[in-house]
Amino acid sequence: MLSDIAVRDAEFSDLPAIVEIYNSTIPSRMVTADLEPVSVQSKTHWFKEHSPSSRPLWVIDHQGKIGGWLSFQSFYGRPAYHSTAEISIYLHPDFRGKGLGKYMLQKAIDACPRLQIKTLLAFIFGHNKPSLQLFSHFEFEKWAHLPNVAELDGVERDLIILGKRVTP
């Protein structure tokens, strides 16, 4: 599958597919703190915050179908944190377990010098073992553990913040 995918900057016309993939993760209570599906309209501002030159939003294009996406988000919204970004990866259910997470995360790490990013952060629920393992594979370290800060269907969940310095 990796041989027949293209990774490209997202276009506004991709937003419905991006939202669909995001919404597909909500029922699992493993990936996002949203409890109800979000709308394309509610994600328009978020989409426009991305910039190919500094905070890209990439999509995985497989023969015209969006199989997933990766975003770089500014951390904390203050100028002193410009070289730090939060990274998120979401895959369509049909594209999970095929190595795309590793492929995309490596691509993101490799792009950091060009994007002037020195530190990557990932915010992952403590019970999301697949994502924790993915980031651990790339030597992200646990930088914070926030116990019981999320409540998903009456169950309190931990948030783990993983970090990695990506400067050469």
Protein backbone atom coordinates (compact mmCIF):
# COMPACT_ATOMS: atom_id res chain seq x y z
CA MET A 1 0.00 0.00 0.00
CA LEU A 2 2.83 2.44 0.76
CA SER A 3 3.96 2.27 -2.86
CA ASP A 4 0.70 3.63 -4.23
CA ILE A 5 0.03 6.54 -1.89
CA ALA A 6 0.83 10.20 -2.25
CA VAL A 7 1.21 12.61 0.63
CA ARG A 8 0.24 16.16 -0.23
CA ASP A 9 -0.85 19.40 1.36
CA ALA A 10 -4.54 19.32 2.13
CA GLU A 11 -6.89 21.42 0.05
CA PHE A 12 -10.10 22.89 1.38
CA SER A 13 -12.03 20.39 -0.74
CA ASP A 14 -10.41 17.62 1.39
CA LEU A 15 -11.98 18.95 4.59
CA PRO A 16 -15.11 16.74 4.44
CA ALA A 17 -12.92 13.61 4.20
CA ILE A 18 -10.65 14.89 6.99
CA VAL A 19 -13.68 15.44 9.22
CA GLU A 20 -15.12 12.03 8.32
CA ILE A 21 -11.88 10.31 9.33
CA TYR A 22 -11.71 12.32 12.55
CA ASN A 23 -15.32 11.48 13.38
CA SER A 24 -14.64 7.78 12.76
CA THR A 25 -12.35 7.77 15.81
CA ILE A 26 -14.82 9.29 18.27
CA PRO A 27 -16.80 6.12 19.16
CA SER A 28 -13.65 4.24 20.23
CA ARG A 29 -12.97 6.75 23.03
CA MET A 30 -9.26 6.12 22.38
CA VAL A 31 -8.11 8.99 20.20
CA THR A 32 -9.95 12.25 20.72
CA ALA A 33 -11.65 14.04 23.59
CA ASP A 34 -14.57 14.98 21.38
CA LEU A 35 -17.62 12.97 22.41
CA GLU A 36 -19.91 13.81 19.47
CA PRO A 37 -19.16 14.11 15.75
CA VAL A 38 -17.86 17.48 14.58
CA SER A 39 -19.00 19.32 11.46
CA VAL A 40 -17.02 20.55 8.48
CA GLN A 41 -18.11 24.07 9.39
CA SER A 42 -16.76 23.71 12.94
CA LYS A 43 -13.35 22.68 11.55
CA THR A 44 -13.01 25.44 8.96
CA HIS A 45 -11.07 27.81 11.24
CA TRP A 46 -8.78 24.96 12.34
CA PHE A 47 -8.15 24.08 8.69
CA LYS A 48 -7.24 27.68 7.83
CA GLU A 49 -4.72 27.84 10.72
CA HIS A 50 -2.48 25.48 8.74
CA SER A 51 0.20 26.63 6.34
CA PRO A 52 2.32 24.43 4.05
CA SER A 53 5.41 26.48 4.92
CA SER A 54 5.22 26.27 8.72
CA ARG A 55 2.23 24.26 10.06
CA PRO A 56 1.20 21.90 7.29
CA LEU A 57 -1.85 19.70 7.11
CA TRP A 58 -1.10 16.69 4.93
CA VAL A 59 -3.44 14.10 3.50
CA ILE A 60 -2.69 10.57 2.40
CA ASP A 61 -4.08 10.19 -1.10
CA HIS A 62 -4.60 6.61 -2.26
CA GLN A 63 -5.94 6.52 -5.81
CA GLY A 64 -8.10 9.58 -5.17
CA LYS A 65 -9.35 8.46 -1.75
CA ILE A 66 -8.16 10.23 1.41
CA GLY A 67 -6.79 7.50 3.68
CA GLY A 68 -5.66 9.71 6.52
CA TRP A 69 -4.15 12.98 7.54
CA LEU A 70 -1.40 14.49 9.66
CA SER A 71 -1.36 17.98 11.13
CA PHE A 72 1.18 20.22 12.78
CA GLN A 73 -0.43 22.61 15.25
CA SER A 74 1.20 25.54 16.99
CA PHE A 75 1.78 24.88 20.67
CA TYR A 76 0.29 27.27 23.19
CA GLY A 77 -0.14 30.14 20.71
CA ARG A 78 2.70 32.32 21.95
CA PRO A 79 5.71 33.46 19.87
CA ALA A 80 8.32 31.92 22.18
CA TYR A 81 6.93 28.47 21.31
CA HIS A 82 7.19 28.92 17.54
CA SER A 83 9.71 26.09 17.17
CA THR A 84 7.43 23.63 18.99
CA ALA A 85 4.50 21.90 17.32
CA GLU A 86 1.88 19.38 18.32
CA ILE A 87 1.48 16.57 15.83
CA SER A 88 -1.67 14.55 15.19
CA ILE A 89 -2.20 11.55 12.92
CA TYR A 90 -5.62 10.15 11.98
CA LEU A 91 -6.20 7.22 9.64
CA HIS A 92 -9.35 6.01 7.92
CA PRO A 93 -10.42 2.62 9.36
CA ASP A 94 -9.53 0.89 6.06
CA PHE A 95 -5.97 2.24 6.27
CA ARG A 96 -5.11 1.35 9.88
CA GLY A 97 -2.56 -1.35 10.68
CA LYS A 98 -0.76 -1.06 7.34
CA GLY A 99 2.34 0.91 8.37
CA LEU A 100 0.98 4.32 7.38
CA GLY A 101 1.31 5.72 10.91
CA LYS A 102 5.04 4.97 10.94
CA TYR A 103 5.43 6.25 7.41
CA MET A 104 3.68 9.52 8.20
CA LEU A 105 5.44 10.09 11.51
CA GLN A 106 8.85 9.58 9.88
CA LYS A 107 7.85 11.99 7.11
CA ALA A 108 6.84 14.56 9.74
CA ILE A 109 10.09 14.21 11.66
CA ASP A 110 12.08 14.56 8.44
CA ALA A 111 10.19 17.77 7.54
CA CYS A 112 10.88 19.51 10.86
CA PRO A 113 14.14 21.26 9.87
CA ARG A 114 12.44 22.77 6.79
CA LEU A 115 9.47 23.83 8.96
CA GLN A 116 11.81 25.31 11.62
CA ILE A 117 10.39 22.94 14.24
CA LYS A 118 12.78 21.81 16.95
CA THR A 119 10.36 20.04 19.26
CA LEU A 120 7.40 17.79 18.51
CA LEU A 121 4.68 17.03 21.05
CA ALA A 122 1.95 14.40 21.00
CA PHE A 123 -1.03 14.38 23.35
CA ILE A 124 -2.23 10.78 23.73
CA PHE A 125 -4.68 9.12 26.10
CA GLY A 126 -2.94 6.74 28.49
CA HIS A 127 -5.13 3.84 27.36
CA ASN A 128 -4.29 4.36 23.67
CA LYS A 129 -1.55 1.74 23.57
CA PRO A 130 -1.21 1.62 19.74
CA SER A 131 -0.49 5.36 19.52
CA LEU A 132 1.84 5.28 22.52
CA GLN A 133 3.75 2.41 20.87
CA LEU A 134 3.90 4.24 17.54
CA PHE A 135 5.47 7.34 19.05
CA SER A 136 7.73 5.28 21.33
CA HIS A 137 9.10 3.56 18.21
CA PHE A 138 10.40 6.99 17.16
CA GLU A 139 11.94 7.65 20.59
CA PHE A 140 9.35 10.12 21.81
CA GLU A 141 9.63 10.31 25.59
CA LYS A 142 6.98 10.77 28.23
CA TRP A 143 7.26 14.41 29.27
CA ALA A 144 4.04 14.65 31.28
CA HIS A 145 1.36 12.43 32.77
CA LEU A 146 -1.91 14.12 33.61
CA PRO A 147 -3.96 11.61 35.58
CA ASN A 148 -7.74 11.46 35.23
CA VAL A 149 -8.06 14.75 33.33
CA ALA A 150 -10.54 13.43 30.75
CA GLU A 151 -13.88 11.78 31.31
CA LEU A 152 -15.14 9.53 28.55
CA ASP A 153 -18.55 7.96 29.17
CA GLY A 154 -18.10 8.19 32.92
CA VAL A 155 -14.56 6.74 32.88
CA GLU A 156 -11.73 9.04 33.88
CA ARG A 157 -8.71 8.80 31.59
CA ASP A 158 -5.10 9.94 31.75
CA LEU A 159 -3.46 12.17 29.19
CA ILE A 160 0.17 11.50 28.31
CA ILE A 161 2.26 14.19 26.67
CA LEU A 162 5.11 12.77 24.64
CA GLY A 163 7.93 14.90 23.32
CA LYS A 164 10.90 14.66 21.00
CA ARG A 165 13.65 17.08 20.14
CA VAL A 166 14.16 16.90 16.38
CA THR A 167 17.07 19.26 15.88
CA PRO A 168 20.14 17.69 14.23
